N, C-alpha and C. Protein backbone atom coordinates (compact mmCIF):
# COMPACT_ATOMS: atom_id res chain seq x y z
N MET A 1 -62.45 -19.88 -55.21
CA MET A 1 -62.40 -21.07 -54.55
C MET A 1 -62.29 -22.36 -55.42
N ALA A 2 -61.59 -23.41 -55.08
CA ALA A 2 -61.25 -24.56 -55.92
C ALA A 2 -62.64 -25.47 -55.88
N ARG A 3 -62.74 -26.24 -56.87
CA ARG A 3 -63.84 -27.17 -56.78
C ARG A 3 -63.68 -28.36 -55.73
N TYR A 4 -64.71 -28.66 -54.95
CA TYR A 4 -64.55 -29.66 -53.93
C TYR A 4 -64.48 -30.98 -54.65
N THR A 5 -63.57 -31.68 -54.39
CA THR A 5 -63.40 -33.17 -55.03
C THR A 5 -63.39 -34.25 -54.00
N GLY A 6 -63.72 -33.91 -52.71
CA GLY A 6 -63.83 -34.94 -51.69
C GLY A 6 -65.09 -35.69 -51.62
N SER A 7 -65.26 -36.38 -50.56
CA SER A 7 -66.35 -37.37 -50.43
C SER A 7 -67.55 -36.45 -50.37
N SER A 8 -68.61 -36.87 -51.27
CA SER A 8 -69.99 -36.22 -51.19
C SER A 8 -70.68 -36.88 -49.98
N TYR A 9 -70.37 -38.13 -49.61
CA TYR A 9 -71.08 -38.62 -48.37
C TYR A 9 -70.70 -37.89 -47.13
N LYS A 10 -69.41 -37.45 -46.97
CA LYS A 10 -68.94 -36.71 -45.87
C LYS A 10 -69.73 -35.36 -45.83
N GLN A 11 -69.92 -34.73 -47.06
CA GLN A 11 -70.57 -33.38 -47.04
C GLN A 11 -72.00 -33.61 -46.58
N ALA A 12 -72.68 -34.64 -46.98
CA ALA A 12 -74.07 -34.86 -46.50
C ALA A 12 -74.17 -35.09 -45.17
N ARG A 13 -73.18 -35.75 -44.61
CA ARG A 13 -73.38 -36.15 -43.00
C ARG A 13 -73.10 -34.88 -42.32
N ARG A 14 -72.23 -34.00 -42.94
CA ARG A 14 -71.76 -32.71 -42.09
C ARG A 14 -73.11 -31.91 -41.95
N VAL A 15 -73.95 -31.87 -42.98
CA VAL A 15 -75.21 -30.95 -42.91
C VAL A 15 -76.46 -31.83 -42.54
N GLY A 16 -76.40 -33.22 -42.44
CA GLY A 16 -77.40 -34.13 -42.08
C GLY A 16 -78.59 -33.98 -43.09
N PHE A 17 -78.20 -34.13 -44.44
CA PHE A 17 -79.16 -33.90 -45.56
C PHE A 17 -78.58 -34.69 -46.64
N SER A 18 -79.33 -35.44 -47.46
CA SER A 18 -79.11 -36.11 -48.56
C SER A 18 -78.80 -35.31 -49.81
N ILE A 19 -77.53 -34.97 -50.12
CA ILE A 19 -77.35 -34.04 -51.19
C ILE A 19 -77.57 -34.74 -52.64
N SER A 20 -77.58 -36.06 -52.61
CA SER A 20 -78.07 -36.68 -53.81
C SER A 20 -79.49 -36.81 -54.03
N GLU A 21 -80.31 -36.53 -52.82
CA GLU A 21 -81.65 -36.72 -52.83
C GLU A 21 -82.23 -38.22 -52.85
N THR A 22 -81.27 -39.18 -52.50
CA THR A 22 -81.54 -40.61 -52.45
C THR A 22 -81.65 -41.01 -51.09
N GLY A 23 -81.04 -40.47 -50.23
CA GLY A 23 -80.81 -40.89 -48.82
C GLY A 23 -79.91 -41.98 -48.52
N LYS A 24 -78.99 -42.34 -49.50
CA LYS A 24 -78.08 -43.32 -49.42
C LYS A 24 -76.91 -42.80 -48.52
N GLU A 25 -76.45 -41.63 -48.60
CA GLU A 25 -75.37 -41.10 -47.73
C GLU A 25 -75.59 -41.18 -46.28
N LEU A 26 -76.85 -40.99 -45.70
CA LEU A 26 -77.10 -41.25 -44.29
C LEU A 26 -77.88 -42.44 -43.94
N ALA A 27 -77.87 -43.43 -44.84
CA ALA A 27 -78.53 -44.73 -44.61
C ALA A 27 -77.72 -45.52 -43.41
N LYS A 28 -76.30 -45.57 -43.62
CA LYS A 28 -75.63 -46.42 -42.59
C LYS A 28 -75.04 -45.51 -41.46
N ARG A 29 -74.77 -44.38 -41.77
CA ARG A 29 -74.06 -43.42 -40.67
C ARG A 29 -74.82 -42.03 -40.71
N PRO A 30 -75.96 -41.97 -40.00
CA PRO A 30 -76.78 -40.76 -40.05
C PRO A 30 -76.26 -39.85 -38.87
N TYR A 31 -74.95 -39.54 -38.86
CA TYR A 31 -74.35 -38.72 -37.76
C TYR A 31 -73.13 -37.96 -38.51
N LEU A 32 -72.61 -37.13 -37.60
CA LEU A 32 -71.61 -36.22 -38.19
C LEU A 32 -70.23 -36.92 -38.61
N PRO A 33 -69.50 -36.59 -39.68
CA PRO A 33 -68.32 -37.42 -39.82
C PRO A 33 -67.33 -37.08 -38.80
N GLY A 34 -66.14 -37.93 -38.81
CA GLY A 34 -65.20 -37.84 -37.81
C GLY A 34 -65.22 -38.96 -36.71
N GLN A 35 -64.17 -38.89 -35.97
CA GLN A 35 -63.92 -39.91 -34.97
C GLN A 35 -64.90 -39.80 -33.80
N HIS A 36 -65.44 -38.67 -33.49
CA HIS A 36 -66.41 -38.43 -32.44
C HIS A 36 -67.85 -38.02 -33.10
N GLY A 37 -67.91 -38.21 -34.28
CA GLY A 37 -69.32 -37.87 -34.91
C GLY A 37 -70.53 -38.29 -34.26
N ARG A 38 -70.45 -39.52 -33.66
CA ARG A 38 -71.63 -40.01 -32.96
C ARG A 38 -72.08 -39.18 -31.68
N ASP A 39 -71.01 -38.73 -31.18
CA ASP A 39 -71.18 -38.03 -29.86
C ASP A 39 -71.36 -36.68 -29.78
N ARG A 40 -71.38 -36.00 -31.04
CA ARG A 40 -71.50 -34.50 -31.23
C ARG A 40 -72.98 -34.18 -31.53
N HIS A 41 -73.63 -33.43 -30.51
CA HIS A 41 -74.92 -33.20 -30.73
C HIS A 41 -75.13 -31.62 -30.34
N ALA A 42 -74.34 -30.73 -30.68
CA ALA A 42 -74.31 -29.31 -30.28
C ALA A 42 -75.46 -28.75 -30.84
N LYS A 43 -76.23 -27.87 -30.14
CA LYS A 43 -77.48 -27.26 -30.49
C LYS A 43 -76.72 -25.91 -31.26
N LEU A 44 -77.23 -25.78 -32.48
CA LEU A 44 -76.92 -24.72 -33.40
C LEU A 44 -77.57 -23.35 -33.01
N SER A 45 -76.89 -22.33 -33.29
CA SER A 45 -77.53 -20.99 -33.10
C SER A 45 -78.27 -20.65 -34.40
N ASP A 46 -79.09 -19.49 -34.28
CA ASP A 46 -79.71 -19.23 -35.51
C ASP A 46 -78.81 -18.96 -36.69
N TYR A 47 -77.72 -18.44 -36.47
CA TYR A 47 -76.66 -18.27 -37.55
C TYR A 47 -76.19 -19.64 -38.09
N GLY A 48 -75.84 -20.52 -37.10
CA GLY A 48 -75.49 -21.86 -37.47
C GLY A 48 -76.51 -22.68 -38.39
N ASN A 49 -78.00 -22.38 -37.93
CA ASN A 49 -78.95 -23.03 -38.77
C ASN A 49 -79.10 -22.53 -40.22
N GLN A 50 -78.94 -21.13 -40.18
CA GLN A 50 -79.03 -20.40 -41.65
C GLN A 50 -77.70 -20.88 -42.43
N LEU A 51 -76.56 -20.82 -41.72
CA LEU A 51 -75.28 -21.35 -42.53
C LEU A 51 -75.45 -22.87 -43.02
N LYS A 52 -76.24 -23.68 -42.15
CA LYS A 52 -76.40 -24.97 -42.65
C LYS A 52 -77.32 -25.22 -43.80
N GLU A 53 -78.44 -24.42 -43.78
CA GLU A 53 -79.33 -24.31 -45.00
C GLU A 53 -78.59 -23.84 -46.30
N LYS A 54 -77.65 -22.95 -46.20
CA LYS A 54 -77.05 -22.38 -47.35
C LYS A 54 -76.05 -23.47 -47.90
N GLN A 55 -75.51 -24.21 -46.85
CA GLN A 55 -74.37 -25.38 -47.25
C GLN A 55 -75.14 -26.42 -47.86
N LYS A 56 -76.42 -26.74 -47.45
CA LYS A 56 -77.29 -27.88 -48.05
C LYS A 56 -77.39 -27.47 -49.64
N LEU A 57 -77.77 -26.40 -49.80
CA LEU A 57 -77.99 -26.03 -51.42
C LEU A 57 -76.73 -25.97 -52.15
N ARG A 58 -75.63 -25.28 -51.43
CA ARG A 58 -74.46 -25.38 -52.17
C ARG A 58 -73.87 -26.80 -52.51
N PHE A 59 -73.98 -27.59 -51.44
CA PHE A 59 -73.43 -29.12 -51.61
C PHE A 59 -74.42 -29.75 -52.69
N MET A 60 -75.60 -29.60 -52.58
CA MET A 60 -76.60 -30.35 -53.51
C MET A 60 -76.28 -29.99 -54.87
N TYR A 61 -76.07 -28.64 -55.28
CA TYR A 61 -75.89 -28.30 -56.64
C TYR A 61 -74.40 -28.20 -57.11
N GLY A 62 -73.53 -28.49 -56.05
CA GLY A 62 -72.05 -28.39 -56.41
C GLY A 62 -71.55 -27.18 -56.83
N VAL A 63 -72.10 -26.06 -56.23
CA VAL A 63 -71.67 -24.79 -56.55
C VAL A 63 -70.71 -24.33 -55.45
N ASN A 64 -69.64 -23.53 -55.87
CA ASN A 64 -68.63 -22.95 -55.03
C ASN A 64 -69.30 -21.73 -54.20
N GLU A 65 -68.69 -21.21 -53.22
CA GLU A 65 -69.25 -19.94 -52.51
C GLU A 65 -69.46 -18.82 -53.46
N ARG A 66 -68.44 -18.57 -54.31
CA ARG A 66 -68.49 -17.35 -55.01
C ARG A 66 -69.65 -17.40 -56.06
N GLN A 67 -69.86 -18.58 -56.60
CA GLN A 67 -70.81 -18.90 -57.77
C GLN A 67 -72.30 -18.61 -56.96
N PHE A 68 -72.34 -19.29 -55.78
CA PHE A 68 -73.59 -19.30 -55.04
C PHE A 68 -74.18 -17.80 -54.64
N LYS A 69 -73.08 -17.12 -54.20
CA LYS A 69 -73.43 -15.67 -53.86
C LYS A 69 -73.86 -14.86 -55.05
N LYS A 70 -73.18 -15.06 -56.15
CA LYS A 70 -73.60 -14.49 -57.52
C LYS A 70 -74.96 -14.79 -57.90
N THR A 71 -75.26 -16.21 -57.63
CA THR A 71 -76.58 -16.67 -58.01
C THR A 71 -77.67 -15.97 -57.16
N PHE A 72 -77.28 -15.82 -55.81
CA PHE A 72 -78.11 -15.25 -54.90
C PHE A 72 -78.56 -13.81 -55.19
N LYS A 73 -77.46 -12.96 -55.58
CA LYS A 73 -77.55 -11.67 -55.95
C LYS A 73 -78.56 -11.54 -57.23
N GLU A 74 -78.40 -12.41 -58.02
CA GLU A 74 -79.23 -12.40 -59.29
C GLU A 74 -80.71 -12.78 -58.98
N ALA A 75 -80.84 -13.55 -58.04
CA ALA A 75 -82.28 -13.85 -57.46
C ALA A 75 -82.90 -12.79 -56.88
N GLU A 76 -81.99 -11.83 -56.21
CA GLU A 76 -82.39 -10.66 -55.42
C GLU A 76 -83.02 -9.65 -56.33
N ARG A 77 -82.48 -9.70 -57.46
CA ARG A 77 -82.81 -8.59 -58.48
C ARG A 77 -84.05 -8.94 -59.37
N MET A 78 -84.54 -10.23 -59.19
CA MET A 78 -85.55 -10.86 -59.95
C MET A 78 -87.02 -10.26 -59.20
N ALA A 79 -88.06 -10.22 -60.09
CA ALA A 79 -89.27 -10.00 -59.39
C ALA A 79 -89.74 -11.53 -58.75
N GLY A 80 -90.57 -11.32 -57.68
CA GLY A 80 -91.15 -12.42 -57.07
C GLY A 80 -90.35 -12.81 -55.90
N VAL A 81 -90.55 -13.91 -55.31
CA VAL A 81 -90.17 -14.53 -54.04
C VAL A 81 -88.62 -14.82 -54.30
N GLN A 82 -87.74 -14.14 -53.45
CA GLN A 82 -86.48 -14.34 -53.54
C GLN A 82 -85.83 -15.76 -53.47
N GLY A 83 -86.30 -16.44 -52.45
CA GLY A 83 -85.85 -17.77 -52.05
C GLY A 83 -86.33 -18.95 -53.27
N LEU A 84 -87.44 -18.58 -53.86
CA LEU A 84 -87.91 -19.48 -54.89
C LEU A 84 -87.17 -19.08 -56.20
N ASN A 85 -86.87 -17.87 -56.30
CA ASN A 85 -86.05 -17.27 -57.46
C ASN A 85 -84.69 -18.06 -57.51
N LEU A 86 -84.11 -18.17 -56.23
CA LEU A 86 -82.61 -18.89 -56.08
C LEU A 86 -82.76 -20.31 -56.50
N LEU A 87 -83.88 -20.90 -56.06
CA LEU A 87 -83.93 -22.26 -56.30
C LEU A 87 -84.12 -22.59 -57.87
N ARG A 88 -84.97 -21.85 -58.29
CA ARG A 88 -85.15 -21.92 -59.82
C ARG A 88 -83.95 -21.64 -60.59
N LEU A 89 -83.05 -20.68 -60.19
CA LEU A 89 -81.87 -20.50 -60.92
C LEU A 89 -81.01 -21.61 -60.75
N LEU A 90 -80.85 -22.10 -59.64
CA LEU A 90 -79.87 -23.21 -59.48
C LEU A 90 -80.45 -24.54 -60.37
N GLU A 91 -81.89 -24.63 -60.20
CA GLU A 91 -82.39 -26.00 -60.95
C GLU A 91 -82.20 -25.78 -62.35
N SER A 92 -82.08 -24.50 -62.95
CA SER A 92 -81.94 -24.48 -64.25
C SER A 92 -80.48 -24.37 -64.84
N ARG A 93 -79.58 -24.66 -63.98
CA ARG A 93 -78.20 -24.96 -64.35
C ARG A 93 -78.07 -26.00 -65.36
N LEU A 94 -77.20 -26.02 -66.25
CA LEU A 94 -77.16 -27.22 -67.35
C LEU A 94 -76.80 -28.43 -66.70
N ASP A 95 -75.84 -28.37 -65.76
CA ASP A 95 -75.51 -29.74 -65.33
C ASP A 95 -76.65 -30.35 -64.53
N ASN A 96 -77.45 -29.55 -63.75
CA ASN A 96 -78.71 -30.03 -63.05
C ASN A 96 -79.64 -30.64 -63.99
N ILE A 97 -79.93 -29.91 -65.12
CA ILE A 97 -80.95 -30.38 -66.09
C ILE A 97 -80.58 -31.63 -66.76
N VAL A 98 -79.22 -31.89 -67.04
CA VAL A 98 -78.74 -33.11 -67.63
C VAL A 98 -79.00 -34.31 -66.44
N PHE A 99 -78.74 -33.82 -65.15
CA PHE A 99 -79.00 -34.94 -64.10
C PHE A 99 -80.44 -35.24 -64.14
N ARG A 100 -81.31 -34.22 -64.14
CA ARG A 100 -82.64 -34.41 -64.12
C ARG A 100 -83.38 -35.15 -65.20
N ILE A 101 -82.69 -34.92 -66.55
CA ILE A 101 -83.13 -35.72 -67.57
C ILE A 101 -82.82 -37.19 -67.45
N GLY A 102 -81.63 -37.52 -66.74
CA GLY A 102 -81.27 -38.84 -66.53
C GLY A 102 -80.15 -39.35 -67.26
N PHE A 103 -79.33 -38.49 -67.90
CA PHE A 103 -78.24 -38.82 -68.54
C PHE A 103 -76.94 -39.18 -67.74
N SER A 104 -77.20 -38.89 -66.32
CA SER A 104 -76.26 -39.26 -65.39
C SER A 104 -77.06 -39.48 -64.06
N THR A 105 -76.40 -40.37 -63.25
CA THR A 105 -77.15 -40.63 -61.91
C THR A 105 -76.82 -39.63 -60.87
N THR A 106 -75.80 -38.73 -61.14
CA THR A 106 -75.54 -37.85 -60.03
C THR A 106 -75.29 -36.53 -60.77
N ARG A 107 -75.29 -35.48 -60.02
CA ARG A 107 -74.97 -34.04 -60.57
C ARG A 107 -73.35 -33.93 -60.89
N ARG A 108 -72.61 -34.70 -60.11
CA ARG A 108 -71.15 -34.61 -60.38
C ARG A 108 -70.92 -35.26 -61.73
N GLY A 109 -71.51 -36.46 -62.03
CA GLY A 109 -71.39 -36.97 -63.13
C GLY A 109 -71.87 -36.33 -64.38
N ALA A 110 -73.09 -35.61 -64.23
CA ALA A 110 -73.61 -34.80 -65.09
C ALA A 110 -72.78 -33.55 -65.49
N ARG A 111 -72.07 -33.05 -64.45
CA ARG A 111 -71.15 -31.77 -64.66
C ARG A 111 -70.04 -32.31 -65.58
N GLN A 112 -69.52 -33.54 -65.50
CA GLN A 112 -68.37 -34.14 -66.15
C GLN A 112 -68.79 -34.26 -67.52
N LEU A 113 -69.97 -34.78 -67.87
CA LEU A 113 -70.47 -34.86 -69.24
C LEU A 113 -70.51 -33.52 -70.00
N VAL A 114 -70.87 -32.51 -69.28
CA VAL A 114 -70.95 -31.16 -69.83
C VAL A 114 -69.54 -30.63 -69.95
N ASN A 115 -68.69 -30.69 -69.08
CA ASN A 115 -67.40 -30.29 -69.17
C ASN A 115 -66.57 -30.97 -70.32
N HIS A 116 -66.85 -32.11 -70.49
CA HIS A 116 -66.16 -33.10 -71.60
C HIS A 116 -66.76 -32.73 -73.05
N GLY A 117 -67.66 -31.87 -73.13
CA GLY A 117 -68.32 -31.46 -74.46
C GLY A 117 -69.34 -32.59 -75.06
N HIS A 118 -69.99 -33.30 -74.20
CA HIS A 118 -70.91 -34.34 -74.78
C HIS A 118 -72.30 -33.81 -74.95
N VAL A 119 -72.63 -32.66 -74.29
CA VAL A 119 -73.97 -32.05 -74.22
C VAL A 119 -74.15 -31.01 -75.17
N THR A 120 -75.35 -31.00 -75.84
CA THR A 120 -75.79 -29.91 -76.64
C THR A 120 -77.03 -29.23 -76.20
N VAL A 121 -77.14 -28.03 -76.39
CA VAL A 121 -78.37 -27.21 -76.00
C VAL A 121 -78.74 -26.54 -77.38
N ASN A 122 -80.12 -27.00 -77.90
CA ASN A 122 -80.61 -26.55 -79.11
C ASN A 122 -79.78 -26.91 -80.19
N GLY A 123 -78.93 -27.88 -80.15
CA GLY A 123 -78.31 -28.44 -81.26
C GLY A 123 -76.74 -28.05 -81.27
N LYS A 124 -76.39 -27.09 -80.35
CA LYS A 124 -75.15 -26.52 -80.21
C LYS A 124 -74.31 -26.93 -78.95
N LYS A 125 -73.10 -27.45 -79.09
CA LYS A 125 -72.42 -27.92 -77.90
C LYS A 125 -71.95 -26.77 -76.95
N VAL A 126 -72.48 -27.17 -75.64
CA VAL A 126 -72.20 -26.24 -74.49
C VAL A 126 -71.52 -27.00 -73.45
N ASP A 127 -70.23 -26.57 -73.10
CA ASP A 127 -69.50 -27.15 -72.09
C ASP A 127 -69.27 -26.40 -70.79
N ILE A 128 -70.18 -25.63 -70.39
CA ILE A 128 -70.23 -24.75 -69.18
C ILE A 128 -71.32 -25.23 -68.23
N PRO A 129 -71.04 -25.99 -67.27
CA PRO A 129 -72.00 -26.61 -66.32
C PRO A 129 -73.01 -25.56 -65.92
N SER A 130 -72.54 -24.39 -65.49
CA SER A 130 -73.52 -23.29 -64.93
C SER A 130 -74.23 -22.57 -66.10
N TYR A 131 -74.23 -22.97 -67.42
CA TYR A 131 -75.00 -22.47 -68.32
C TYR A 131 -76.50 -22.55 -68.02
N ARG A 132 -77.19 -21.31 -68.06
CA ARG A 132 -78.57 -21.19 -67.66
C ARG A 132 -79.46 -21.68 -68.71
N VAL A 133 -80.26 -22.80 -68.56
CA VAL A 133 -81.01 -23.43 -69.45
C VAL A 133 -82.63 -22.52 -69.42
N LYS A 134 -82.93 -22.15 -70.54
CA LYS A 134 -84.28 -21.36 -70.41
C LYS A 134 -85.37 -22.40 -70.81
N VAL A 135 -86.61 -21.88 -70.56
CA VAL A 135 -87.79 -22.79 -70.80
C VAL A 135 -87.98 -22.89 -72.36
N GLY A 136 -88.05 -24.23 -72.73
CA GLY A 136 -88.16 -24.41 -74.29
C GLY A 136 -86.80 -24.91 -74.91
N ASP A 137 -85.73 -24.73 -74.11
CA ASP A 137 -84.30 -25.26 -74.63
C ASP A 137 -84.44 -26.77 -74.63
N VAL A 138 -83.76 -27.26 -75.71
CA VAL A 138 -83.64 -28.75 -75.91
C VAL A 138 -82.36 -29.17 -75.58
N ILE A 139 -82.13 -30.09 -74.79
CA ILE A 139 -80.97 -30.59 -74.21
C ILE A 139 -80.72 -31.95 -74.72
N SER A 140 -79.62 -32.50 -75.25
CA SER A 140 -79.31 -33.64 -75.91
C SER A 140 -77.75 -33.97 -75.77
N LEU A 141 -77.51 -35.03 -76.21
CA LEU A 141 -76.08 -35.45 -76.30
C LEU A 141 -75.58 -35.41 -77.93
N ARG A 142 -74.35 -35.19 -78.08
CA ARG A 142 -73.72 -35.26 -79.43
C ARG A 142 -74.23 -36.76 -80.08
N GLU A 143 -74.43 -36.61 -81.30
CA GLU A 143 -74.83 -37.98 -81.94
C GLU A 143 -74.00 -39.04 -81.51
N LYS A 144 -72.52 -38.91 -81.60
CA LYS A 144 -71.56 -40.10 -81.32
C LYS A 144 -71.50 -40.41 -79.79
N ASP A 145 -72.11 -39.55 -78.94
CA ASP A 145 -71.96 -40.02 -77.53
C ASP A 145 -73.19 -40.49 -76.96
N ARG A 146 -74.39 -40.81 -77.84
CA ARG A 146 -75.63 -41.18 -77.20
C ARG A 146 -75.57 -42.68 -76.85
N ASN A 147 -74.75 -43.37 -77.25
CA ASN A 147 -74.52 -44.85 -76.78
C ASN A 147 -73.49 -45.16 -75.86
N MET A 148 -72.94 -44.16 -75.11
CA MET A 148 -72.14 -44.16 -74.00
C MET A 148 -72.64 -45.08 -72.99
N THR A 149 -71.94 -46.13 -72.51
CA THR A 149 -72.42 -47.09 -71.60
C THR A 149 -72.86 -46.25 -70.19
N ILE A 150 -72.09 -45.28 -69.80
CA ILE A 150 -72.68 -44.55 -68.60
C ILE A 150 -73.88 -43.85 -68.73
N VAL A 151 -74.12 -43.52 -69.98
CA VAL A 151 -75.51 -42.81 -70.16
C VAL A 151 -76.68 -43.88 -70.28
N THR A 152 -76.46 -44.95 -71.18
CA THR A 152 -77.58 -45.76 -71.24
C THR A 152 -77.74 -46.58 -69.77
N ASN A 153 -76.73 -46.79 -69.07
CA ASN A 153 -76.94 -47.43 -67.80
C ASN A 153 -77.75 -46.47 -66.88
N SER A 154 -77.43 -45.18 -66.94
CA SER A 154 -78.23 -44.17 -66.35
C SER A 154 -79.52 -44.13 -66.62
N LEU A 155 -79.98 -43.92 -67.85
CA LEU A 155 -81.29 -43.89 -68.31
C LEU A 155 -82.19 -45.06 -67.89
N GLU A 156 -81.61 -46.34 -67.90
CA GLU A 156 -82.27 -47.62 -67.40
C GLU A 156 -82.69 -47.56 -66.03
N LYS A 157 -81.92 -46.77 -65.22
CA LYS A 157 -82.29 -46.56 -63.75
C LYS A 157 -83.31 -45.61 -63.53
N ILE A 158 -83.73 -44.82 -64.44
CA ILE A 158 -84.75 -43.73 -64.04
C ILE A 158 -86.15 -44.48 -64.05
N ASN A 159 -86.78 -44.11 -62.99
CA ASN A 159 -88.19 -44.63 -62.83
C ASN A 159 -89.14 -43.46 -63.20
N LYS A 160 -88.95 -42.27 -62.79
CA LYS A 160 -89.87 -41.06 -63.01
C LYS A 160 -89.01 -39.77 -63.04
N ARG A 161 -89.20 -39.10 -64.00
CA ARG A 161 -88.72 -37.71 -64.12
C ARG A 161 -89.55 -36.54 -63.56
N VAL A 162 -89.09 -35.66 -63.25
CA VAL A 162 -89.79 -34.36 -62.70
C VAL A 162 -90.79 -33.78 -63.80
N ASP A 163 -91.66 -33.24 -63.34
CA ASP A 163 -92.85 -32.92 -64.38
C ASP A 163 -92.62 -31.66 -65.25
N TYR A 164 -91.51 -30.91 -64.81
CA TYR A 164 -91.20 -29.76 -65.57
C TYR A 164 -90.09 -29.91 -66.70
N ILE A 165 -89.81 -31.29 -66.79
CA ILE A 165 -88.87 -31.70 -67.95
C ILE A 165 -89.44 -32.86 -68.69
N SER A 166 -89.44 -32.62 -69.98
CA SER A 166 -89.93 -33.79 -70.74
C SER A 166 -88.78 -34.34 -71.42
N PHE A 167 -88.94 -35.78 -71.90
CA PHE A 167 -87.99 -36.61 -72.64
C PHE A 167 -88.47 -37.41 -73.63
N ASP A 168 -87.66 -37.27 -74.86
CA ASP A 168 -88.14 -38.12 -75.87
C ASP A 168 -87.06 -39.09 -76.18
N SER A 169 -87.33 -40.28 -75.91
CA SER A 169 -86.41 -41.38 -75.78
C SER A 169 -85.88 -41.78 -77.24
N SER A 170 -86.79 -41.51 -78.12
CA SER A 170 -86.52 -41.85 -79.60
C SER A 170 -85.39 -40.88 -80.10
N LYS A 171 -85.37 -39.66 -79.71
CA LYS A 171 -84.56 -38.54 -80.11
C LYS A 171 -83.49 -38.28 -79.20
N MET A 172 -83.54 -39.00 -77.94
CA MET A 172 -82.39 -38.83 -77.02
C MET A 172 -82.39 -37.41 -76.51
N GLU A 173 -83.43 -36.72 -76.23
CA GLU A 173 -83.36 -35.44 -75.97
C GLU A 173 -84.49 -34.93 -74.75
N GLY A 174 -84.09 -34.02 -74.08
CA GLY A 174 -85.05 -33.48 -73.01
C GLY A 174 -85.17 -32.09 -73.27
N LYS A 175 -86.28 -31.49 -72.51
CA LYS A 175 -86.71 -30.15 -72.73
C LYS A 175 -87.05 -29.71 -71.42
N LEU A 176 -86.68 -28.49 -70.98
CA LEU A 176 -87.28 -27.62 -69.88
C LEU A 176 -88.67 -27.00 -70.30
N VAL A 177 -89.67 -27.62 -69.86
CA VAL A 177 -91.00 -27.25 -70.40
C VAL A 177 -91.56 -26.10 -69.66
N ARG A 178 -91.07 -25.77 -68.35
CA ARG A 178 -91.51 -24.82 -67.57
C ARG A 178 -90.68 -24.58 -66.33
N LEU A 179 -90.72 -23.46 -65.58
CA LEU A 179 -89.92 -23.42 -64.31
C LEU A 179 -90.77 -24.38 -63.24
N PRO A 180 -89.95 -24.87 -62.43
CA PRO A 180 -90.35 -25.71 -61.28
C PRO A 180 -91.34 -24.82 -60.33
N GLU A 181 -92.29 -25.54 -59.69
CA GLU A 181 -93.08 -24.90 -58.61
C GLU A 181 -92.37 -25.13 -57.21
N ARG A 182 -92.66 -24.48 -56.16
CA ARG A 182 -91.83 -24.82 -55.06
C ARG A 182 -92.26 -26.29 -54.52
N GLY A 183 -93.47 -26.63 -54.54
CA GLY A 183 -93.78 -27.96 -54.13
C GLY A 183 -92.98 -29.14 -54.85
N GLU A 184 -92.63 -28.78 -56.04
CA GLU A 184 -91.80 -29.89 -56.73
C GLU A 184 -90.28 -29.97 -56.38
N LEU A 185 -89.92 -29.01 -55.68
CA LEU A 185 -88.47 -28.96 -55.30
C LEU A 185 -88.24 -29.53 -53.85
N ASN A 186 -87.06 -29.77 -53.34
CA ASN A 186 -86.75 -30.49 -52.11
C ASN A 186 -87.37 -29.78 -51.05
N ALA A 187 -88.29 -30.65 -50.25
CA ALA A 187 -89.00 -30.05 -49.12
C ALA A 187 -88.11 -29.80 -47.93
N ASP A 188 -86.86 -30.48 -47.77
CA ASP A 188 -86.08 -30.43 -46.83
C ASP A 188 -85.13 -29.10 -46.84
N ILE A 189 -85.31 -28.31 -47.85
CA ILE A 189 -84.48 -27.13 -47.81
C ILE A 189 -85.49 -25.88 -47.42
N ASP A 190 -84.82 -25.05 -46.44
CA ASP A 190 -85.60 -23.88 -46.18
C ASP A 190 -84.92 -22.59 -46.57
N GLU A 191 -85.29 -22.33 -47.89
CA GLU A 191 -84.73 -21.21 -48.63
C GLU A 191 -84.71 -19.90 -47.87
N ALA A 192 -85.76 -19.71 -46.93
CA ALA A 192 -85.87 -18.48 -46.25
C ALA A 192 -84.75 -18.14 -45.33
N MET A 193 -84.23 -19.30 -44.94
CA MET A 193 -83.02 -19.09 -43.96
C MET A 193 -81.79 -18.68 -44.76
N VAL A 194 -81.77 -19.13 -45.87
CA VAL A 194 -80.64 -18.69 -46.80
C VAL A 194 -80.83 -17.11 -47.03
N VAL A 195 -81.99 -16.77 -47.31
CA VAL A 195 -82.17 -15.18 -47.55
C VAL A 195 -81.68 -14.49 -46.23
N GLU A 196 -82.01 -15.13 -45.08
CA GLU A 196 -81.77 -14.56 -43.76
C GLU A 196 -80.23 -14.42 -43.61
N PHE A 197 -79.57 -15.62 -44.05
CA PHE A 197 -78.21 -15.69 -43.88
C PHE A 197 -77.48 -14.40 -44.55
N TYR A 198 -77.80 -14.27 -45.75
CA TYR A 198 -77.08 -13.28 -46.67
C TYR A 198 -77.58 -11.76 -46.15
N SER A 199 -78.78 -11.78 -45.56
CA SER A 199 -79.42 -10.41 -45.15
C SER A 199 -78.44 -9.88 -43.91
N ARG A 200 -77.71 -10.73 -43.22
CA ARG A 200 -77.01 -10.42 -41.96
C ARG A 200 -75.42 -10.41 -42.11
N VAL A 201 -75.02 -10.84 -43.25
CA VAL A 201 -73.50 -10.86 -43.47
C VAL A 201 -72.98 -9.89 -44.54
């Protein structure tokens, strides 16, 4: 499946959920996209609700269906709660960590930074957005890329980072200090429904 390059606002309105986690997408038009979006209030079936929860996660982390299912299967093989495992695997993607550190204001922008080779992990260039960051890994930018306008502007907009990521502004590097707890992740996601979705298909 090809990477989605359309409007993220339209995706957010489709599932009624802010995939940027800022609420901006739904601020002006909190209804479905399309000519008759205001008038469509169909009640979803159980399957429809489960699909919607899966799409929320897919859209938020910018993962295509094949990647998402592969990540789900990996979470299934891990010890512990499958839904939380899934969220932790998605949260530890390199593009997401770059976003959480604040090198970009969006996950899509963070993915582009990684793809273009600006990001390093433990001092080595990594250009794979889905790269799995491990606890203790140090994420930074290449020396010559640290003064990029897009990066400095993004860092200026950061008010507070998540507690499971530390940032050293003098070295321009962040670190995943631990895995996130469920209470630190988006409360509007019902990961149990995603598990139910895949258990029936």
